[in-house]
PDB file of N, CA and C in Angstrom:
ATOM      1  N   UNK A   1     -75.103  10.168  17.051  1.00  0.00           N
ATOM      2  CA  UNK A   1     -74.976   9.175  16.685  1.00  0.00           C
ATOM      3  C   UNK A   1     -74.405   8.837  15.472  1.00  0.00           C
ATOM      4  N   UNK A   2     -73.886   7.794  15.184  1.00  0.00           N
ATOM      5  CA  UNK A   2     -73.335   7.434  13.415  1.00  0.00           C
ATOM      6  C   UNK A   2     -74.662   7.503  12.193  1.00  0.00           C
ATOM      7  N   UNK A   3     -74.221   7.836  10.733  1.00  0.00           N
ATOM      8  CA  UNK A   3     -75.039   8.306  10.076  1.00  0.00           C
ATOM      9  C   UNK A   3     -75.084   6.854   9.403  1.00  0.00           C
ATOM     10  N   UNK A   4     -76.463   6.431   9.064  1.00  0.00           N
ATOM     11  CA  UNK A   4     -77.004   5.301   8.245  1.00  0.00           C
ATOM     12  C   UNK A   4     -78.258   5.792   7.434  1.00  0.00           C
ATOM     13  N   UNK A   5     -78.017   5.303   6.200  1.00  0.00           N
ATOM     14  CA  UNK A   5     -78.869   5.586   5.243  1.00  0.00           C
ATOM     15  C   UNK A   5     -79.931   3.888   5.022  1.00  0.00           C
ATOM     16  N   UNK A   6     -81.083   3.699   4.373  1.00  0.00           N
ATOM     17  CA  UNK A   6     -81.702   3.224   4.585  1.00  0.00           C
ATOM     18  C   UNK A   6     -82.571   3.801   3.665  1.00  0.00           C
ATOM     19  N   UNK A   7     -82.778   2.510   2.190  1.00  0.00           N
ATOM     20  CA  UNK A   7     -83.473   2.654   1.108  1.00  0.00           C
ATOM     21  C   UNK A   7     -84.210   1.306   1.394  1.00  0.00           C
ATOM     22  N   UNK A   8     -85.479   1.068   0.888  1.00  0.00           N
ATOM     23  CA  UNK A   8     -86.736   0.375   0.830  1.00  0.00           C
ATOM     24  C   UNK A   8     -87.172   0.471  -0.429  1.00  0.00           C
ATOM     25  N   UNK A   9     -86.927  -0.562  -1.362  1.00  0.00           N
ATOM     26  CA  UNK A   9     -87.339  -0.960  -2.536  1.00  0.00           C
ATOM     27  C   UNK A   9     -87.555   0.566  -3.446  1.00  0.00           C
ATOM     28  N   UNK A  10     -87.075   0.955  -3.512  1.00  0.00           N
ATOM     29  CA  UNK A  10     -86.306   2.889  -4.261  1.00  0.00           C
ATOM     30  C   UNK A  10     -87.567   3.764  -4.460  1.00  0.00           C
ATOM     31  N   UNK A  11     -88.282   3.383  -2.896  1.00  0.00           N
ATOM     32  CA  UNK A  11     -89.357   4.217  -2.900  1.00  0.00           C
ATOM     33  C   UNK A  11     -89.569   4.685  -2.011  1.00  0.00           C
ATOM     34  N   UNK A  12     -88.773   3.833   0.045  1.00  0.00           N
ATOM     35  CA  UNK A  12     -88.694   4.405   1.123  1.00  0.00           C
ATOM     36  C   UNK A  12     -87.281   5.234   1.479  1.00  0.00           C
ATOM     37  N   UNK A  13     -86.508   5.949   1.493  1.00  0.00           N
ATOM     38  CA  UNK A  13     -85.254   6.397   1.882  1.00  0.00           C
ATOM     39  C   UNK A  13     -85.130   7.204   3.744  1.00  0.00           C
ATOM     40  N   UNK A  14     -84.706   6.582   4.367  1.00  0.00           N
ATOM     41  CA  UNK A  14     -84.147   7.138   6.048  1.00  0.00           C
ATOM     42  C   UNK A  14     -83.448   7.240   6.389  1.00  0.00           C
ATOM     43  N   UNK A  15     -82.770   8.487   6.774  1.00  0.00           N
ATOM     44  CA  UNK A  15     -81.344   9.126   6.682  1.00  0.00           C
ATOM     45  C   UNK A  15     -81.412   9.348   8.760  1.00  0.00           C
ATOM     46  N   UNK A  16     -80.391   8.146   8.950  1.00  0.00           N
ATOM     47  CA  UNK A  16     -80.376   8.303  10.259  1.00  0.00           C
ATOM     48  C   UNK A  16     -79.252   9.507  10.689  1.00  0.00           C
ATOM     49  N   UNK A  17     -78.497  10.413  11.279  1.00  0.00           N
ATOM     50  CA  UNK A  17     -77.814  11.358  12.045  1.00  0.00           C
ATOM     51  C   UNK A  17     -78.126  12.394  11.301  1.00  0.00           C
ATOM     52  N   UNK A  18     -79.013  12.668  10.553  1.00  0.00           N
ATOM     53  CA  UNK A  18     -79.693  13.952  10.012  1.00  0.00           C
ATOM     54  C   UNK A  18     -79.516  15.409  10.529  1.00  0.00           C
ATOM     55  N   UNK A  19     -78.715  16.354  10.281  1.00  0.00           N
ATOM     56  CA  UNK A  19     -78.388  17.410  11.673  1.00  0.00           C
ATOM     57  C   UNK A  19     -79.734  18.411  11.332  1.00  0.00           C
ATOM     58  N   UNK A  20     -79.965  18.591   9.378  1.00  0.00           N
ATOM     59  CA  UNK A  20     -80.686  19.529   8.503  1.00  0.00           C
ATOM     60  C   UNK A  20     -80.928  19.555   7.643  1.00  0.00           C
ATOM     61  N   UNK A  21     -82.031  19.516   7.091  1.00  0.00           N
ATOM     62  CA  UNK A  21     -82.737  19.154   5.504  1.00  0.00           C
ATOM     63  C   UNK A  21     -81.979  20.299   5.134  1.00  0.00           C
ATOM     64  N   UNK A  22     -81.230  20.491   4.295  1.00  0.00           N
ATOM     65  CA  UNK A  22     -81.085  21.804   3.647  1.00  0.00           C
ATOM     66  C   UNK A  22     -81.720  22.226   2.390  1.00  0.00           C
ATOM     67  N   UNK A  23     -82.148  21.733   1.752  1.00  0.00           N
ATOM     68  CA  UNK A  23     -83.658  21.419   1.014  1.00  0.00           C
ATOM     69  C   UNK A  23     -84.227  20.475   0.114  1.00  0.00           C
ATOM     70  N   UNK A  24     -85.579  21.536  -0.096  1.00  0.00           N
ATOM     71  CA  UNK A  24     -86.331  19.582  -0.715  1.00  0.00           C
ATOM     72  C   UNK A  24     -87.295  20.337  -1.317  1.00  0.00           C
ATOM     73  N   UNK A  25     -87.364  19.400  -2.798  1.00  0.00           N
ATOM     74  CA  UNK A  25     -87.930  19.770  -3.275  1.00  0.00           C
ATOM     75  C   UNK A  25     -88.704  18.599  -4.493  1.00  0.00           C
ATOM     76  N   UNK A  26     -89.859  18.510  -5.812  1.00  0.00           N
ATOM     77  CA  UNK A  26     -90.448  17.052  -5.785  1.00  0.00           C
ATOM     78  C   UNK A  26     -89.241  16.267  -6.310  1.00  0.00           C
ATOM     79  N   UNK A  27     -88.131  16.495  -6.819  1.00  0.00           N
ATOM     80  CA  UNK A  27     -86.896  16.012  -7.975  1.00  0.00           C
ATOM     81  C   UNK A  27     -85.876  15.801  -7.037  1.00  0.00           C
ATOM     82  N   UNK A  28     -85.458  16.594  -5.980  1.00  0.00           N
ATOM     83  CA  UNK A  28     -83.934  16.238  -5.227  1.00  0.00           C
ATOM     84  C   UNK A  28     -83.731  17.295  -3.955  1.00  0.00           C
ATOM     85  N   UNK A  29     -83.754  16.667  -2.943  1.00  0.00           N
ATOM     86  CA  UNK A  29     -83.289  17.401  -1.832  1.00  0.00           C
ATOM     87  C   UNK A  29     -81.667  16.915  -0.558  1.00  0.00           C
ATOM     88  N   UNK A  30     -81.536  17.420   0.107  1.00  0.00           N
ATOM     89  CA  UNK A  30     -80.090  17.646   0.203  1.00  0.00           C
ATOM     90  C   UNK A  30     -80.323  17.984   1.330  1.00  0.00           C
ATOM     91  N   UNK A  31     -79.780  16.790   2.556  1.00  0.00           N
ATOM     92  CA  UNK A  31     -79.747  16.875   4.197  1.00  0.00           C
ATOM     93  C   UNK A  31     -78.745  17.277   4.545  1.00  0.00           C
ATOM     94  N   UNK A  32     -77.981  17.335   5.211  1.00  0.00           N
ATOM     95  CA  UNK A  32     -76.583  17.428   6.163  1.00  0.00           C
ATOM     96  C   UNK A  32     -76.743  16.318   7.446  1.00  0.00           C
ATOM     97  N   UNK A  33     -75.334  15.546   7.329  1.00  0.00           N
ATOM     98  CA  UNK A  33     -75.429  14.922   8.683  1.00  0.00           C
ATOM     99  C   UNK A  33     -73.584  15.244   8.162  1.00  0.00           C
ATOM    100  N   UNK A  34     -73.282  14.789   9.975  1.00  0.00           N
ATOM    101  CA  UNK A  34     -72.041  14.920  10.295  1.00  0.00           C
ATOM    102  C   UNK A  34     -71.271  16.053   9.011  1.00  0.00           C
ATOM    103  N   UNK A  35     -69.789  15.484   8.529  1.00  0.00           N
ATOM    104  CA  UNK A  35     -69.182  16.463   7.753  1.00  0.00           C
ATOM    105  C   UNK A  35     -69.757  16.579   6.437  1.00  0.00           C
ATOM    106  N   UNK A  36     -70.198  15.714   5.768  1.00  0.00           N
ATOM    107  CA  UNK A  36     -71.029  16.119   4.534  1.00  0.00           C
ATOM    108  C   UNK A  36     -72.785  15.966   4.069  1.00  0.00           C
ATOM    109  N   UNK A  37     -72.501  16.200   3.364  1.00  0.00           N
ATOM    110  CA  UNK A  37     -74.370  16.869   2.760  1.00  0.00           C
ATOM    111  C   UNK A  37     -74.400  15.109   1.668  1.00  0.00           C
ATOM    112  N   UNK A  38     -76.231  14.812   2.087  1.00  0.00           N
ATOM    113  CA  UNK A  38     -76.151  13.557   1.255  1.00  0.00           C
ATOM    114  C   UNK A  38     -77.612  13.934   0.025  1.00  0.00           C
ATOM    115  N   UNK A  39     -77.021  14.290  -1.042  1.00  0.00           N
ATOM    116  CA  UNK A  39     -77.831  14.738  -2.102  1.00  0.00           C
ATOM    117  C   UNK A  39     -78.760  13.499  -3.018  1.00  0.00           C
ATOM    118  N   UNK A  40     -80.406  13.830  -2.459  1.00  0.00           N
ATOM    119  CA  UNK A  40     -81.202  13.173  -2.506  1.00  0.00           C
ATOM    120  C   UNK A  40     -82.237  13.167  -4.565  1.00  0.00           C
ATOM    121  N   UNK A  41     -81.641  12.542  -5.396  1.00  0.00           N
ATOM    122  CA  UNK A  41     -82.525  12.887  -6.425  1.00  0.00           C
ATOM    123  C   UNK A  41     -83.204  11.536  -6.993  1.00  0.00           C
ATOM    124  N   UNK A  42     -84.805  12.103  -7.767  1.00  0.00           N
ATOM    125  CA  UNK A  42     -86.108  11.153  -7.522  1.00  0.00           C
ATOM    126  C   UNK A  42     -86.869  11.895  -8.264  1.00  0.00           C
ATOM    127  N   UNK A  43     -88.291  11.309  -8.321  1.00  0.00           N
ATOM    128  CA  UNK A  43     -89.362  11.808  -8.155  1.00  0.00           C
ATOM    129  C   UNK A  43     -89.953  12.020  -7.306  1.00  0.00           C
ATOM    130  N   UNK A  44     -91.106  12.808  -7.227  1.00  0.00           N
ATOM    131  CA  UNK A  44     -92.208  12.362  -6.662  1.00  0.00           C
ATOM    132  C   UNK A  44     -91.899  12.577  -4.511  1.00  0.00           C
ATOM    133  N   UNK A  45     -90.775  12.931  -4.930  1.00  0.00           N
ATOM    134  CA  UNK A  45     -89.955  12.692  -3.323  1.00  0.00           C
ATOM    135  C   UNK A  45     -90.861  13.831  -2.408  1.00  0.00           C
ATOM    136  N   UNK A  46     -91.073  13.473  -1.342  1.00  0.00           N
ATOM    137  CA  UNK A  46     -91.937  14.024  -0.294  1.00  0.00           C
ATOM    138  C   UNK A  46     -91.229  14.041   1.355  1.00  0.00           C
ATOM    139  N   UNK A  47     -91.162  14.616   2.141  1.00  0.00           N
ATOM    140  CA  UNK A  47     -90.566  14.642   3.558  1.00  0.00           C
ATOM    141  C   UNK A  47     -92.143  13.908   3.984  1.00  0.00           C
ATOM    142  N   UNK A  48     -91.522  12.710   4.358  1.00  0.00           N
ATOM    143  CA  UNK A  48     -93.030  12.035   5.971  1.00  0.00           C
ATOM    144  C   UNK A  48     -92.527  11.846   7.125  1.00  0.00           C
ATOM    145  N   UNK A  49     -91.305  11.331   7.916  1.00  0.00           N
ATOM    146  CA  UNK A  49     -91.141  12.224   9.162  1.00  0.00           C
ATOM    147  C   UNK A  49     -89.880  13.162   9.023  1.00  0.00           C
ATOM    148  N   UNK A  50     -89.999  13.950   9.611  1.00  0.00           N
ATOM    149  CA  UNK A  50     -88.453  14.931  10.000  1.00  0.00           C
ATOM    150  C   UNK A  50     -88.852  14.639  12.131  1.00  0.00           C
ATOM    151  N   UNK A  51     -87.679  14.637  12.862  1.00  0.00           N
ATOM    152  CA  UNK A  51     -87.181  14.021  14.066  1.00  0.00           C
ATOM    153  C   UNK A  51     -85.602  14.583  13.803  1.00  0.00           C
ATOM    154  N   UNK A  52     -85.845  15.886  13.178  1.00  0.00           N
ATOM    155  CA  UNK A  52     -84.552  16.564  14.192  1.00  0.00           C
ATOM    156  C   UNK A  52     -83.820  15.947  15.293  1.00  0.00           C
ATOM    157  N   UNK A  53     -85.120  15.452  16.822  1.00  0.00           N
ATOM    158  CA  UNK A  53     -83.860  15.743  17.626  1.00  0.00           C
ATOM    159  C   UNK A  53     -84.008  14.474  17.755  1.00  0.00           C
ATOM    160  N   UNK A  54     -84.341  13.562  17.153  1.00  0.00           N
ATOM    161  CA  UNK A  54     -83.757  11.775  17.559  1.00  0.00           C
ATOM    162  C   UNK A  54     -82.890  12.332  15.599  1.00  0.00           C
ATOM    163  N   UNK A  55     -82.553  13.304  14.725  1.00  0.00           N
ATOM    164  CA  UNK A  55     -81.598  13.230  14.313  1.00  0.00           C
ATOM    165  C   UNK A  55     -81.970  11.990  12.755  1.00  0.00           C
ATOM    166  N   UNK A  56     -83.314  12.138  12.125  1.00  0.00           N
ATOM    167  CA  UNK A  56     -83.581  11.152  11.598  1.00  0.00           C
ATOM    168  C   UNK A  56     -84.741  11.351  10.198  1.00  0.00           C
ATOM    169  N   UNK A  57     -85.095  11.452   9.389  1.00  0.00           N
ATOM    170  CA  UNK A  57     -86.157  12.377   8.331  1.00  0.00           C
ATOM    171  C   UNK A  57     -86.163  10.486   7.022  1.00  0.00           C
ATOM    172  N   UNK A  58     -87.675  10.923   6.164  1.00  0.00           N
ATOM    173  CA  UNK A  58     -87.691   9.971   5.878  1.00  0.00           C
ATOM    174  C   UNK A  58     -88.591  10.392   4.668  1.00  0.00           C
ATOM    175  N   UNK A  59     -88.033  10.121   3.366  1.00  0.00           N
ATOM    176  CA  UNK A  59     -88.587  10.444   2.145  1.00  0.00           C
ATOM    177  C   UNK A  59     -89.023   9.243   1.210  1.00  0.00           C
ATOM    178  N   UNK A  60     -90.758   9.544   1.131  1.00  0.00           N
ATOM    179  CA  UNK A  60     -91.631   8.602  -0.180  1.00  0.00           C
ATOM    180  C   UNK A  60     -90.866   9.344  -1.263  1.00  0.00           C
ATOM    181  N   UNK A  61     -91.064   8.742  -2.377  1.00  0.00           N
ATOM    182  CA  UNK A  61     -90.594   8.922  -4.018  1.00  0.00           C
ATOM    183  C   UNK A  61     -90.493   7.858  -4.044  1.00  0.00           C
ATOM    184  N   UNK A  62     -89.712   7.653  -5.340  1.00  0.00           N
ATOM    185  CA  UNK A  62     -88.950   7.454  -6.532  1.00  0.00           C
ATOM    186  C   UNK A  62     -87.454   7.896  -6.825  1.00  0.00           C
ATOM    187  N   UNK A  63     -86.753   7.125  -5.376  1.00  0.00           N
ATOM    188  CA  UNK A  63     -84.895   7.290  -5.631  1.00  0.00           C
ATOM    189  C   UNK A  63     -84.585   7.220  -6.736  1.00  0.00           C
ATOM    190  N   UNK A  64     -83.279   7.995  -7.182  1.00  0.00           N
ATOM    191  CA  UNK A  64     -82.767   7.664  -8.542  1.00  0.00           C
ATOM    192  C   UNK A  64     -81.879   7.456  -8.404  1.00  0.00           C
ATOM    193  N   UNK A  65     -81.295   8.624  -7.078  1.00  0.00           N
ATOM    194  CA  UNK A  65     -79.534   8.544  -6.944  1.00  0.00           C
ATOM    195  C   UNK A  65     -79.580   8.964  -5.479  1.00  0.00           C
ATOM    196  N   UNK A  66     -78.348   8.889  -5.147  1.00  0.00           N
ATOM    197  CA  UNK A  66     -77.945   8.673  -3.485  1.00  0.00           C
ATOM    198  C   UNK A  66     -76.578   9.645  -3.741  1.00  0.00           C
ATOM    199  N   UNK A  67     -76.692  10.713  -3.083  1.00  0.00           N
ATOM    200  CA  UNK A  67     -74.900  11.332  -3.177  1.00  0.00           C
ATOM    201  C   UNK A  67     -74.380  11.888  -2.270  1.00  0.00           C
ATOM    202  N   UNK A  68     -73.522  11.801  -1.715  1.00  0.00           N
ATOM    203  CA  UNK A  68     -72.327  12.143  -0.487  1.00  0.00           C
ATOM    204  C   UNK A  68     -71.379  13.282  -1.313  1.00  0.00           C
ATOM    205  N   UNK A  69     -71.497  14.859  -0.739  1.00  0.00           N
ATOM    206  CA  UNK A  69     -70.978  15.347  -1.150  1.00  0.00           C
ATOM    207  C   UNK A  69     -70.588  16.451   0.620  1.00  0.00           C
ATOM    208  N   UNK A  70     -68.729  16.884   0.180  1.00  0.00           N
ATOM    209  CA  UNK A  70     -68.634  17.235   1.040  1.00  0.00           C
ATOM    210  C   UNK A  70     -68.779  18.578   1.653  1.00  0.00           C
ATOM    211  N   UNK A  71     -69.429  19.010   2.901  1.00  0.00           N
ATOM    212  CA  UNK A  71     -69.286  20.529   2.999  1.00  0.00           C
ATOM    213  C   UNK A  71     -68.509  21.545   2.516  1.00  0.00           C
ATOM    214  N   UNK A  72     -68.921  22.557   2.234  1.00  0.00           N
ATOM    215  CA  UNK A  72     -67.707  23.207   1.511  1.00  0.00           C
ATOM    216  C   UNK A  72     -67.557  24.285   2.620  1.00  0.00           C
ATOM    217  N   UNK A  73     -66.587  24.670   2.819  1.00  0.00           N
ATOM    218  CA  UNK A  73     -66.700  26.143   3.759  1.00  0.00           C
ATOM    219  C   UNK A  73     -66.731  27.514   2.653  1.00  0.00           C
ATOM    220  N   UNK A  74     -67.500  28.298   3.279  1.00  0.00           N
ATOM    221  CA  UNK A  74     -68.420  29.235   3.194  1.00  0.00           C
ATOM    222  C   UNK A  74     -67.066  30.527   3.139  1.00  0.00           C
ATOM    223  N   UNK A  75     -66.716  31.213   2.605  1.00  0.00           N
ATOM    224  CA  UNK A  75     -65.634  32.365   2.032  1.00  0.00           C
ATOM    225  C   UNK A  75     -66.013  33.424   1.831  1.00  0.00           C
ATOM    226  N   UNK A  76     -66.054  34.481   1.518  1.00  0.00           N
ATOM    227  CA  UNK A  76     -66.184  35.768   2.049  1.00  0.00           C
ATOM    228  C   UNK A  76     -66.469  35.718   0.570  1.00  0.00           C
ATOM    229  N   UNK A  77     -66.624  37.235   0.194  1.00  0.00           N
ATOM    230  CA  UNK A  77     -66.873  37.523  -1.031  1.00  0.00           C
ATOM    231  C   UNK A  77     -65.599  38.655  -1.589  1.00  0.00           C
ATOM    232  N   UNK A  78     -65.177  39.161  -0.946  1.00  0.00           N
ATOM    233  CA  UNK A  78     -63.001  39.762  -0.806  1.00  0.00           C
ATOM    234  C   UNK A  78     -62.515  38.546  -1.422  1.00  0.00           C
ATOM    235  N   UNK A  79     -63.274  37.604  -0.416  1.00  0.00           N
ATOM    236  CA  UNK A  79     -61.523  36.585  -0.022  1.00  0.00           C
ATOM    237  C   UNK A  79     -61.802  36.011  -2.063  1.00  0.00           C
ATOM    238  N   UNK A  80     -63.128  35.117  -2.305  1.00  0.00           N
ATOM    239  CA  UNK A  80     -63.355  34.778  -3.537  1.00  0.00           C
ATOM    240  C   UNK A  80     -62.718  35.745  -4.832  1.00  0.00           C
ATOM    241  N   UNK A  81     -62.696  37.242  -4.502  1.00  0.00           N
ATOM    242  CA  UNK A  81     -62.330  37.842  -5.614  1.00  0.00           C
ATOM    243  C   UNK A  81     -61.017  38.115  -6.262  1.00  0.00           C
ATOM    244  N   UNK A  82     -60.205  38.007  -4.029  1.00  0.00           N
ATOM    245  CA  UNK A  82     -58.857  38.792  -4.568  1.00  0.00           C
ATOM    246  C   UNK A  82     -58.274  37.334  -4.557  1.00  0.00           C
ATOM    247  N   UNK A  83     -58.419  36.139  -4.659  1.00  0.00           N
ATOM    248  CA  UNK A  83     -57.655  34.582  -4.884  1.00  0.00           C
ATOM    249  C   UNK A  83     -56.894  34.708  -5.677  1.00  0.00           C
TER     250      UNK A  83
END
């Protein structure tokens, strides 16, 4: 399934293609999709629908920004020290 982001009146956000909700607070949420993460910032954010079988997540609240970021590969502690 391809990813798709639908924002309605800055109050209802639906993300299709979600594989994981990494974190969610009332001011920020991070959703994993394919090769990147979507970072949602706002206020009173709340997950109202979560269906990872259909790869769909829906948030309500005031959405102020939506940003994509690439997933960073996890590196071991020793590799970071001896860079």
